[in-house]
Amino acid sequence: MKKFAGFLSLNLQDWVKGLIMAMIGAILAVIQSSISAEIFTIDWSNIWHVALIAGTAYILKQLGTSIPKVVEIDPTKTQVVEVPPPKPDPTGTTNP
């Protein structure tokens, strides 16, 4: 079973995935710059910035993600509520 970090906390799995995202971002930066220049180029400054931004964005997203909730429905306690039909509009037009 997976262990999830709580809201505003991180675990080792989050940091490893952030590092993986940074590496993927750096690889994509090399591919994108090589396609743009039509020659294989390595711009370390650009790669570093993209990797830092990709990793930081993932870590910030994980900080804002809370523990997934499991909802259990008890059929004995469930009730059906009837919703009345919408009232007609006085102007004669129908509402969607």
C-alpha atoms as a PDB file:
ATOM      1  CA  MET A   1       0.000   0.000   0.000  1.00  0.00           C
ATOM      2  CA  LYS A   2       1.279   3.445  -0.878  1.00  0.00           C
ATOM      3  CA  LYS A   3       2.060   5.881   1.872  1.00  0.00           C
ATOM      4  CA  PHE A   4       1.014   9.433   1.155  1.00  0.00           C
ATOM      5  CA  ALA A   5       2.470  12.538   2.734  1.00  0.00           C
ATOM      6  CA  GLY A   6      -0.060  14.842   4.336  1.00  0.00           C
ATOM      7  CA  PHE A   7      -0.964  18.363   3.311  1.00  0.00           C
ATOM      8  CA  LEU A   8       2.112  20.665   3.363  1.00  0.00           C
ATOM      9  CA  SER A   9       4.493  17.753   3.929  1.00  0.00           C
ATOM     10  CA  LEU A  10       6.684  15.627   1.671  1.00  0.00           C
ATOM     11  CA  ASN A  11       8.123  12.131   1.899  1.00  0.00           C
ATOM     12  CA  LEU A  12      11.079  10.478   0.168  1.00  0.00           C
ATOM     13  CA  GLN A  13       8.882   9.276  -2.699  1.00  0.00           C
ATOM     14  CA  ASP A  14       7.922  12.903  -3.472  1.00  0.00           C
ATOM     15  CA  TRP A  15      11.574  14.005  -3.593  1.00  0.00           C
ATOM     16  CA  VAL A  16      12.555  11.101  -5.867  1.00  0.00           C
ATOM     17  CA  LYS A  17       9.682  11.852  -8.244  1.00  0.00           C
ATOM     18  CA  GLY A  18      10.670  15.541  -8.201  1.00  0.00           C
ATOM     19  CA  LEU A  19      14.212  14.583  -9.209  1.00  0.00           C
ATOM     20  CA  ILE A  20      12.834  12.393 -12.008  1.00  0.00           C
ATOM     21  CA  MET A  21      10.667  15.281 -13.227  1.00  0.00           C
ATOM     22  CA  ALA A  22      13.722  17.560 -13.213  1.00  0.00           C
ATOM     23  CA  MET A  23      15.688  15.063 -15.328  1.00  0.00           C
ATOM     24  CA  ILE A  24      12.811  14.638 -17.777  1.00  0.00           C
ATOM     25  CA  GLY A  25      12.511  18.419 -18.047  1.00  0.00           C
ATOM     26  CA  ALA A  26      16.242  18.738 -18.735  1.00  0.00           C
ATOM     27  CA  ILE A  27      16.113  16.059 -21.444  1.00  0.00           C
ATOM     28  CA  LEU A  28      13.157  17.766 -23.087  1.00  0.00           C
ATOM     29  CA  ALA A  29      15.022  21.091 -22.957  1.00  0.00           C
ATOM     30  CA  VAL A  30      17.967  19.561 -24.860  1.00  0.00           C
ATOM     31  CA  ILE A  31      15.617  18.060 -27.448  1.00  0.00           C
ATOM     32  CA  GLN A  32      13.697  21.315 -27.882  1.00  0.00           C
ATOM     33  CA  SER A  33      16.815  23.473 -28.224  1.00  0.00           C
ATOM     34  CA  SER A  34      18.372  20.989 -30.664  1.00  0.00           C
ATOM     35  CA  ILE A  35      15.251  20.988 -32.838  1.00  0.00           C
ATOM     36  CA  SER A  36      15.120  24.796 -32.792  1.00  0.00           C
ATOM     37  CA  ALA A  37      18.800  25.160 -33.731  1.00  0.00           C
ATOM     38  CA  GLU A  38      18.626  22.237 -36.210  1.00  0.00           C
ATOM     39  CA  ILE A  39      21.857  20.934 -34.683  1.00  0.00           C
ATOM     40  CA  PHE A  40      22.527  19.026 -31.471  1.00  0.00           C
ATOM     41  CA  THR A  41      23.454  21.665 -28.913  1.00  0.00           C
ATOM     42  CA  ILE A  42      23.826  21.607 -25.157  1.00  0.00           C
ATOM     43  CA  ASP A  43      23.162  24.876 -23.378  1.00  0.00           C
ATOM     44  CA  TRP A  44      23.917  24.066 -19.734  1.00  0.00           C
ATOM     45  CA  SER A  45      22.401  27.297 -18.470  1.00  0.00           C
ATOM     46  CA  ASN A  46      19.090  26.575 -20.189  1.00  0.00           C
ATOM     47  CA  ILE A  47      19.124  22.927 -19.061  1.00  0.00           C
ATOM     48  CA  TRP A  48      19.791  23.927 -15.444  1.00  0.00           C
ATOM     49  CA  HIS A  49      16.957  26.471 -15.439  1.00  0.00           C
ATOM     50  CA  VAL A  50      14.422  24.098 -16.984  1.00  0.00           C
ATOM     51  CA  ALA A  51      15.370  21.265 -14.619  1.00  0.00           C
ATOM     52  CA  LEU A  52      15.129  23.550 -11.586  1.00  0.00           C
ATOM     53  CA  ILE A  53      11.737  24.887 -12.651  1.00  0.00           C
ATOM     54  CA  ALA A  54      10.345  21.421 -13.452  1.00  0.00           C
ATOM     55  CA  GLY A  55      11.499  19.908 -10.162  1.00  0.00           C
ATOM     56  CA  THR A  56      10.320  22.902  -8.114  1.00  0.00           C
ATOM     57  CA  ALA A  57       6.918  22.907  -9.810  1.00  0.00           C
ATOM     58  CA  TYR A  58       6.428  19.221  -9.008  1.00  0.00           C
ATOM     59  CA  ILE A  59       7.466  19.649  -5.364  1.00  0.00           C
ATOM     60  CA  LEU A  60       5.136  22.653  -4.955  1.00  0.00           C
ATOM     61  CA  LYS A  61       2.292  20.648  -6.474  1.00  0.00           C
ATOM     62  CA  GLN A  62       2.951  17.820  -4.040  1.00  0.00           C
ATOM     63  CA  LEU A  63       2.963  20.238  -1.096  1.00  0.00           C
ATOM     64  CA  GLY A  64      -0.544  21.350  -2.004  1.00  0.00           C
ATOM     65  CA  THR A  65      -1.875  17.819  -2.458  1.00  0.00           C
ATOM     66  CA  SER A  66      -3.463  16.220   0.565  1.00  0.00           C
ATOM     67  CA  ILE A  67      -4.040  12.600   1.478  1.00  0.00           C
ATOM     68  CA  PRO A  68      -6.586  10.915  -0.792  1.00  0.00           C
ATOM     69  CA  LYS A  69      -9.848  10.261   1.011  1.00  0.00           C
ATOM     70  CA  VAL A  70     -11.744   6.996   0.769  1.00  0.00           C
ATOM     71  CA  VAL A  71     -15.496   7.415   0.782  1.00  0.00           C
ATOM     72  CA  GLU A  72     -17.621   4.537   1.973  1.00  0.00           C
ATOM     73  CA  ILE A  73     -21.361   4.610   1.312  1.00  0.00           C
ATOM     74  CA  ASP A  74     -23.691   2.803   3.686  1.00  0.00           C
ATOM     75  CA  PRO A  75     -26.832   1.861   1.708  1.00  0.00           C
ATOM     76  CA  THR A  76     -28.883   1.589   4.902  1.00  0.00           C
ATOM     77  CA  LYS A  77     -28.244   5.246   5.698  1.00  0.00           C
ATOM     78  CA  THR A  78     -28.665   6.573   2.162  1.00  0.00           C
ATOM     79  CA  GLN A  79     -31.840   8.444   1.358  1.00  0.00           C
ATOM     80  CA  VAL A  80     -33.303   9.525  -1.951  1.00  0.00           C
ATOM     81  CA  VAL A  81     -34.346  13.152  -2.212  1.00  0.00           C
ATOM     82  CA  GLU A  82     -36.787  14.187  -4.923  1.00  0.00           C
ATOM     83  CA  VAL A  83     -35.853  17.379  -6.703  1.00  0.00           C
ATOM     84  CA  PRO A  84     -38.803  19.421  -7.978  1.00  0.00           C
ATOM     85  CA  PRO A  85     -38.811  20.371 -11.672  1.00  0.00           C
ATOM     86  CA  PRO A  86     -37.679  23.911 -12.481  1.00  0.00           C
ATOM     87  CA  LYS A  87     -40.322  26.609 -12.487  1.00  0.00           C
ATOM     88  CA  PRO A  88     -41.224  28.013 -15.907  1.00  0.00           C
ATOM     89  CA  ASP A  89     -39.723  31.354 -16.791  1.00  0.00           C
ATOM     90  CA  PRO A  90     -42.346  34.163 -16.854  1.00  0.00           C
ATOM     91  CA  THR A  91     -41.001  35.367 -20.214  1.00  0.00           C
ATOM     92  CA  GLY A  92     -41.883  32.040 -21.826  1.00  0.00           C
ATOM     93  CA  THR A  93     -38.318  30.950 -22.558  1.00  0.00           C
ATOM     94  CA  THR A  94     -37.016  27.683 -21.247  1.00  0.00           C
ATOM     95  CA  ASN A  95     -34.004  27.365 -18.971  1.00  0.00           C
ATOM     96  CA  PRO A  96     -31.389  24.745 -19.804  1.00  0.00           C
END
